[in-house]
Amino acid sequence: MFYLNTKDIGIDLGTANTLVYVKGRGIVLNQPSVIAVDAHAKRILAVGEEARKMLGKAPKHIKVFRPLEDGVISNFEMTAEMLREFLTKVLDAFSRFSRIRVVVGVPSGVTEVEKRAVEEVVRRMGAKVVYILDEPMAAAIGCGLPIDGSMGCMVADIGGGTSDIAIIALEGIVTNTSLRHAGDKLNEAIIAYMRKHYELVVGESIAEQVKINLACAIRNQNDEWFRTAEYNASGRDVVTGLPRTYTLTPSDIYAALAEPISVIVDGIRLTLENAPPAISADIAHTGIVLTGGGAFIRGLDKLIERETGIPARVASNALEAVAEGTGTSLANIDKLERYASRGRR
């Protein structure tokens, strides 16, 4: 087939959100990784934000899926359909005459089988060349960290399904820890806490909003926000079965999230402990860069610094770092060949 040009696309195929980066246009799509299907008519009703609004509310004949769990594909067909719908929205009609190259960010702990599943889904979309890039590497590229030199740098990408922590130098990952413990686990902890302490059952979407509004990693009574912030969470009363609303504070959510946040901090500490001494000295100077939605948990950077003794900061583009890294990495194919694994057929 004759191709008019090459179209380069970067995809952050996340458990919570899917981001698509198109060369020359930047990030063109950022949508929840959710798809809704009419099981009777066997047709797609909605994807992304429209489908997310249906979670927990749909009648029996409408199935609402989150086709990725813990950073990997749990429902192959639904992932393919969701991605097809997303790409249809962002690629113009001339794309079928293009040679499409795609870089996909995946958690560093996924197996080769899981990588091949991701590659297969992307190839179904018409991609001719597929690169699979570890998310912490993509995040480091997206943040502009100096990954090519001998000076080590460290990134902790805390997403929806996984927390990926890596120390990078000389174009490769020196040591890493991948935890299937991230934003979704924090939501589960909030749901469990509210049921146990307030006998109130809340849905996943409410737990997500509670996390966004009140999540904190440090109890700080001197912080006016900590003393005054509130969120009214509505759900079903365990005893009466009737709707009820409870007003939550940061103190509540600090208690709910203390344990799952400690798992993430322990993962960062483990990565530092496994690093060679020479590169540990580098990290003491360069610090830890936080990316992903979890980076915005209030005080998490300070907690990490307190627990490790290493400076930590939130990247200015924390939410988009992986997507931007996958996209911009295509600017230098020679380097990308070294950074990533490539699907060859």
Protein backbone atom coordinates (compact mmCIF):
# COMPACT_ATOMS: atom_id res chain seq x y z
CA MET A 1 0.00 0.00 0.00
CA PHE A 2 1.21 3.53 -0.79
CA TYR A 3 1.62 5.82 2.24
CA LEU A 4 1.53 9.60 1.89
CA ASN A 5 3.31 10.16 5.21
CA THR A 6 4.12 8.74 8.60
CA LYS A 7 1.86 9.59 11.53
CA ASP A 8 3.45 9.27 14.98
CA ILE A 9 1.20 8.60 17.96
CA GLY A 10 1.92 8.10 21.65
CA ILE A 11 -0.61 6.34 23.88
CA ASP A 12 -0.76 6.21 27.67
CA LEU A 13 -3.16 3.28 28.00
CA GLY A 14 -3.95 3.71 31.68
CA THR A 15 -6.24 1.91 34.08
CA ALA A 16 -8.01 5.15 34.97
CA ASN A 17 -7.48 7.31 31.87
CA THR A 18 -6.27 6.93 28.31
CA LEU A 19 -4.25 9.78 26.81
CA VAL A 20 -3.32 10.09 23.14
CA TYR A 21 -0.48 12.26 21.85
CA VAL A 22 -0.22 13.06 18.12
CA LYS A 23 3.02 14.48 16.74
CA GLY A 24 2.62 18.14 15.88
CA ARG A 25 -0.60 18.47 17.88
CA GLY A 26 0.33 17.39 21.40
CA ILE A 27 -2.16 15.62 23.65
CA VAL A 28 -5.41 15.40 21.71
CA LEU A 29 -7.40 13.08 23.97
CA ASN A 30 -7.62 12.51 27.72
CA GLN A 31 -10.59 10.32 28.64
CA PRO A 32 -11.51 7.77 31.33
CA SER A 33 -10.71 4.20 30.28
CA VAL A 34 -14.35 3.11 30.34
CA ILE A 35 -16.69 1.65 27.71
CA ALA A 36 -20.46 1.04 27.83
CA VAL A 37 -22.09 -1.64 25.67
CA ASP A 38 -25.72 -2.58 25.00
CA ALA A 39 -25.59 -6.34 25.57
CA HIS A 40 -28.92 -6.92 23.77
CA ALA A 41 -28.19 -4.89 20.65
CA LYS A 42 -24.47 -5.71 20.82
CA ARG A 43 -23.40 -2.16 20.11
CA ILE A 44 -21.20 0.40 21.80
CA LEU A 45 -23.17 3.11 23.57
CA ALA A 46 -20.39 5.29 24.91
CA VAL A 47 -16.69 5.50 25.72
CA GLY A 48 -14.65 7.75 27.97
CA GLU A 49 -16.38 10.38 30.09
CA GLU A 50 -19.86 9.52 28.75
CA ALA A 51 -19.36 5.89 29.77
CA ARG A 52 -17.85 6.81 33.14
CA LYS A 53 -21.07 8.63 34.07
CA MET A 54 -22.91 5.31 33.67
CA LEU A 55 -20.76 3.40 36.20
CA GLY A 56 -22.95 1.98 38.94
CA LYS A 57 -26.13 3.38 37.37
CA ALA A 58 -26.78 1.32 34.23
CA PRO A 59 -29.72 -1.06 33.79
CA LYS A 60 -29.00 -4.78 33.42
CA HIS A 61 -28.82 -4.79 29.62
CA ILE A 62 -26.09 -2.13 29.61
CA LYS A 63 -22.66 -3.36 30.59
CA VAL A 64 -20.15 -0.73 31.68
CA PHE A 65 -16.54 -1.94 31.60
CA ARG A 66 -13.21 -0.70 32.81
CA PRO A 67 -11.30 -3.02 30.48
CA LEU A 68 -7.92 -2.48 32.15
CA GLU A 69 -7.14 -3.57 35.69
CA ASP A 70 -3.91 -2.99 37.60
CA GLY A 71 -2.34 -1.47 34.51
CA VAL A 72 -2.94 -4.43 32.18
CA ILE A 73 -5.67 -5.56 29.80
CA SER A 74 -8.34 -7.62 31.54
CA ASN A 75 -10.85 -7.57 28.67
CA PHE A 76 -9.10 -7.75 25.31
CA GLU A 77 -12.12 -7.15 23.06
CA MET A 78 -13.44 -4.21 25.07
CA THR A 79 -10.00 -2.59 25.20
CA ALA A 80 -9.72 -2.89 21.41
CA GLU A 81 -13.18 -1.39 20.90
CA MET A 82 -12.52 1.45 23.34
CA LEU A 83 -9.20 2.32 21.74
CA ARG A 84 -10.74 2.18 18.26
CA GLU A 85 -13.41 4.66 19.33
CA PHE A 86 -10.82 6.97 20.87
CA LEU A 87 -8.55 6.93 17.82
CA THR A 88 -11.48 7.47 15.47
CA LYS A 89 -12.14 10.73 17.32
CA VAL A 90 -8.60 12.06 16.95
CA LEU A 91 -7.38 10.77 13.57
CA ASP A 92 -8.58 12.36 10.37
CA ALA A 93 -9.80 10.55 7.27
CA PHE A 94 -6.37 10.79 5.61
CA SER A 95 -4.82 8.65 8.35
CA ARG A 96 -5.65 5.46 6.46
CA PHE A 97 -3.11 6.59 3.85
CA SER A 98 -0.47 7.10 6.55
CA ARG A 99 2.11 4.74 7.95
CA ILE A 100 1.19 4.83 11.63
CA ARG A 101 3.91 4.41 14.26
CA VAL A 102 2.76 4.05 17.85
CA VAL A 103 4.52 4.09 21.21
CA VAL A 104 2.48 2.69 24.10
CA GLY A 105 3.37 3.20 27.75
CA VAL A 106 2.90 0.13 29.97
CA PRO A 107 3.80 -0.58 33.61
CA SER A 108 7.38 -1.79 34.00
CA GLY A 109 6.23 -4.92 35.82
CA VAL A 110 4.03 -6.37 33.06
CA THR A 111 4.95 -9.73 31.55
CA GLU A 112 5.95 -10.35 27.94
CA VAL A 113 2.53 -11.94 27.39
CA GLU A 114 0.82 -8.78 28.65
CA LYS A 115 3.05 -6.64 26.42
CA ARG A 116 2.08 -8.74 23.40
CA ALA A 117 -1.60 -8.29 24.29
CA VAL A 118 -1.15 -4.50 24.28
CA GLU A 119 0.74 -4.69 20.99
CA GLU A 120 -2.01 -6.79 19.41
CA VAL A 121 -4.69 -4.31 20.41
CA VAL A 122 -2.72 -1.42 18.89
CA ARG A 123 -1.98 -3.33 15.70
CA ARG A 124 -5.71 -3.91 15.29
CA MET A 125 -6.02 -0.15 15.04
CA GLY A 126 -3.82 -0.19 11.92
CA ALA A 127 -0.43 0.59 13.46
CA LYS A 128 2.44 -0.65 11.29
CA VAL A 129 5.18 -0.22 13.89
CA VAL A 130 4.59 -0.57 17.64
CA TYR A 131 7.00 0.26 20.43
CA ILE A 132 6.31 -0.72 24.03
CA LEU A 133 7.85 1.73 26.50
CA ASP A 134 7.98 1.25 30.26
CA GLU A 135 5.89 3.94 31.93
CA PRO A 136 8.60 5.27 34.26
CA MET A 137 10.90 5.67 31.25
CA ALA A 138 8.12 7.45 29.35
CA ALA A 139 7.41 9.65 32.37
CA ALA A 140 11.08 10.56 32.69
CA ILE A 141 11.23 11.51 29.00
CA GLY A 142 7.99 13.49 29.34
CA CYS A 143 9.42 15.40 32.31
CA GLY A 144 12.62 16.19 30.45
CA LEU A 145 14.86 14.28 32.87
CA PRO A 146 18.44 13.60 31.66
CA ILE A 147 18.06 9.86 31.07
CA ASP A 148 20.94 9.60 28.55
CA GLY A 149 23.77 10.56 30.88
CA SER A 150 25.61 8.73 33.64
CA MET A 151 23.97 10.85 36.36
CA GLY A 152 21.07 8.82 37.72
CA CYS A 153 17.54 10.19 38.02
CA MET A 154 14.48 8.74 39.76
CA VAL A 155 10.81 8.88 38.90
CA ALA A 156 7.74 7.54 40.73
CA ASP A 157 4.70 7.33 38.45
CA ILE A 158 1.60 6.80 40.63
CA GLY A 159 -1.33 6.06 38.35
CA GLY A 160 -4.73 4.47 38.71
CA GLY A 161 -3.75 0.79 38.60
CA THR A 162 -0.02 0.77 39.26
CA SER A 163 2.74 2.69 40.97
CA ASP A 164 5.90 2.46 38.87
CA ILE A 165 9.12 3.55 40.51
CA ALA A 166 12.44 3.50 38.67
CA ILE A 167 16.00 4.78 38.78
CA ILE A 168 17.26 5.55 35.28
CA ALA A 169 20.72 6.20 33.83
CA LEU A 170 22.53 5.66 30.53
CA GLU A 171 19.26 5.22 28.58
CA GLY A 172 18.02 2.36 30.72
CA ILE A 173 16.28 1.39 33.95
CA VAL A 174 18.91 0.49 36.55
CA THR A 175 16.45 -0.71 39.18
CA ASN A 176 12.69 -0.49 39.54
CA THR A 177 9.68 -1.51 41.59
CA SER A 178 6.22 -1.95 40.06
CA LEU A 179 3.30 -2.11 42.49
CA ARG A 180 -0.24 -3.00 41.48
CA HIS A 181 -1.22 -0.64 44.23
CA ALA A 182 -2.17 2.92 43.31
CA GLY A 183 -5.20 5.17 42.85
CA ASP A 184 -7.77 2.37 42.64
CA LYS A 185 -6.53 0.88 45.90
CA LEU A 186 -6.90 4.29 47.55
CA ASN A 187 -10.53 4.43 46.36
CA GLU A 188 -11.14 0.96 47.79
CA ALA A 189 -9.65 2.06 51.11
CA ILE A 190 -12.01 5.06 51.25
CA ILE A 191 -15.03 2.85 50.49
CA ALA A 192 -14.01 0.33 53.18
CA TYR A 193 -13.33 3.08 55.75
CA MET A 194 -16.71 4.73 55.26
CA ARG A 195 -18.56 1.45 55.52
CA LYS A 196 -16.70 0.44 58.69
CA HIS A 197 -16.71 3.76 60.55
CA TYR A 198 -19.86 5.49 59.30
CA GLU A 199 -22.00 2.58 58.06
CA LEU A 200 -22.29 4.29 54.69
CA VAL A 201 -21.82 2.50 51.36
CA VAL A 202 -20.52 4.80 48.63
CA GLY A 203 -19.80 4.12 44.98
CA GLU A 204 -16.46 4.25 43.22
CA SER A 205 -17.16 7.64 41.64
CA ILE A 206 -17.91 9.21 45.05
CA ALA A 207 -14.74 7.66 46.51
CA GLU A 208 -12.76 9.14 43.62
CA GLN A 209 -14.18 12.62 44.31
CA VAL A 210 -13.44 12.26 48.02
CA LYS A 211 -9.85 11.34 47.16
CA ILE A 212 -9.45 14.29 44.79
CA ASN A 213 -10.85 16.77 47.30
CA LEU A 214 -9.52 15.50 50.64
CA ALA A 215 -6.63 13.05 50.16
CA CYS A 216 -3.56 13.91 52.19
CA ALA A 217 -0.45 12.04 53.27
CA ILE A 218 0.44 14.14 56.33
CA ARG A 219 -1.70 15.21 59.27
CA ASN A 220 -0.98 18.93 59.67
CA GLN A 221 -3.19 20.80 62.12
CA ASN A 222 -1.32 24.02 61.30
CA ASP A 223 -2.57 23.85 57.72
CA GLU A 224 -5.80 25.83 57.36
CA TRP A 225 -6.93 23.54 54.52
CA PHE A 226 -6.52 20.49 56.76
CA ARG A 227 -8.64 22.10 59.49
CA THR A 228 -11.43 23.49 57.30
CA ALA A 229 -11.81 21.43 54.09
CA GLU A 230 -14.96 19.29 53.79
CA TYR A 231 -16.72 17.06 51.28
CA ASN A 232 -20.31 15.81 51.46
CA ALA A 233 -20.27 12.15 50.46
CA SER A 234 -23.61 10.54 49.64
CA GLY A 235 -24.39 6.84 49.64
CA ARG A 236 -26.64 4.15 51.09
CA ASP A 237 -27.05 3.69 54.84
CA VAL A 238 -26.02 0.13 55.80
CA VAL A 239 -28.72 -0.15 58.48
CA THR A 240 -31.76 1.52 56.90
CA GLY A 241 -30.89 1.02 53.24
CA LEU A 242 -31.88 4.65 52.59
CA PRO A 243 -29.79 7.43 50.99
CA ARG A 244 -27.67 9.41 53.43
CA THR A 245 -24.95 12.05 53.27
CA TYR A 246 -21.96 12.35 55.58
CA THR A 247 -19.58 15.30 55.75
CA LEU A 248 -15.97 14.13 55.55
CA THR A 249 -12.81 16.01 56.50
CA PRO A 250 -9.12 15.57 55.59
CA SER A 251 -8.59 13.96 58.99
CA ASP A 252 -11.00 11.17 58.00
CA ILE A 253 -9.30 10.52 54.70
CA TYR A 254 -5.81 10.72 56.21
CA ALA A 255 -6.82 7.83 58.47
CA ALA A 256 -8.41 5.92 55.57
CA LEU A 257 -5.36 6.24 53.31
CA ALA A 258 -2.48 5.92 55.78
CA GLU A 259 -1.94 2.21 55.11
CA PRO A 260 -2.18 2.18 51.28
CA ILE A 261 0.02 5.28 51.03
CA SER A 262 2.61 3.58 53.23
CA VAL A 263 2.76 0.72 50.68
CA ILE A 264 3.70 3.22 47.94
CA VAL A 265 6.31 4.90 50.15
CA ASP A 266 7.75 1.46 51.00
CA GLY A 267 8.04 0.77 47.26
CA ILE A 268 10.06 3.95 46.82
CA ARG A 269 12.29 3.02 49.75
CA LEU A 270 12.80 -0.51 48.33
CA THR A 271 13.86 0.92 44.97
CA LEU A 272 16.42 3.14 46.68
CA GLU A 273 17.72 0.21 48.76
CA ASN A 274 18.23 -1.89 45.61
CA ALA A 275 20.20 0.82 43.79
CA PRO A 276 24.00 0.56 43.39
CA PRO A 277 25.82 2.85 45.85
CA ALA A 278 27.22 5.11 43.11
CA ILE A 279 23.81 5.87 41.69
CA SER A 280 22.32 6.30 45.17
CA ALA A 281 24.68 9.23 45.60
CA ASP A 282 23.29 10.73 42.37
CA ILE A 283 19.69 10.43 43.57
CA ALA A 284 20.59 12.17 46.83
CA HIS A 285 21.39 15.22 44.65
CA THR A 286 18.83 14.92 41.83
CA GLY A 287 15.90 13.86 44.00
CA ILE A 288 12.69 12.00 43.16
CA VAL A 289 10.19 13.28 40.60
CA LEU A 290 6.53 12.31 41.13
CA THR A 291 4.14 11.85 38.20
CA GLY A 292 0.64 10.45 37.69
CA GLY A 293 -2.57 11.44 39.45
CA GLY A 294 -1.30 10.12 42.78
CA ALA A 295 1.44 12.76 42.76
CA PHE A 296 -1.22 15.31 43.72
CA ILE A 297 -2.04 13.70 47.06
CA ARG A 298 -1.47 16.61 49.40
CA GLY A 299 1.80 16.30 51.29
CA LEU A 300 2.94 13.08 49.57
CA ASP A 301 6.17 14.70 48.39
CA LYS A 302 6.91 15.86 51.94
CA LEU A 303 6.13 12.39 53.37
CA ILE A 304 8.48 10.74 50.89
CA GLU A 305 11.22 13.23 51.71
CA ARG A 306 10.70 12.64 55.43
CA GLU A 307 10.78 8.85 55.09
CA THR A 308 13.72 8.59 52.68
CA GLY A 309 15.78 11.70 53.27
CA ILE A 310 15.68 12.37 49.51
CA PRO A 311 14.15 15.57 48.07
CA ALA A 312 10.90 14.89 46.20
CA ARG A 313 8.90 17.13 43.88
CA VAL A 314 5.78 16.91 41.74
CA ALA A 315 6.42 17.26 38.00
CA SER A 316 4.83 20.32 36.40
CA ASN A 317 3.12 18.03 33.85
CA ALA A 318 2.52 15.13 36.23
CA LEU A 319 -0.78 14.00 34.67
CA GLU A 320 0.47 14.13 31.07
CA ALA A 321 4.10 13.06 31.55
CA VAL A 322 3.72 9.47 30.32
CA ALA A 323 1.67 10.46 27.27
CA GLU A 324 4.07 13.27 26.37
CA GLY A 325 7.01 10.93 26.85
CA THR A 326 5.56 8.30 24.52
CA GLY A 327 4.87 10.92 21.87
CA THR A 328 8.09 12.90 22.01
CA SER A 329 10.22 9.75 22.11
CA LEU A 330 9.30 9.19 18.46
CA ALA A 331 11.32 12.27 17.53
CA ASN A 332 14.50 10.18 17.76
CA ILE A 333 13.92 6.64 16.52
CA ASP A 334 17.52 5.57 17.15
CA LYS A 335 17.20 6.41 20.84
CA LEU A 336 13.70 4.95 21.02
CA GLU A 337 15.04 1.64 19.72
CA ARG A 338 17.28 1.56 22.78
CA TYR A 339 14.66 2.77 25.26
CA ALA A 340 11.83 0.45 24.22
CA SER A 341 10.95 -3.04 23.09
CA ARG A 342 9.56 -3.15 19.57
CA GLY A 343 6.88 -5.43 18.19
CA ARG A 344 8.30 -7.13 15.10
CA ARG A 345 6.27 -9.25 12.70
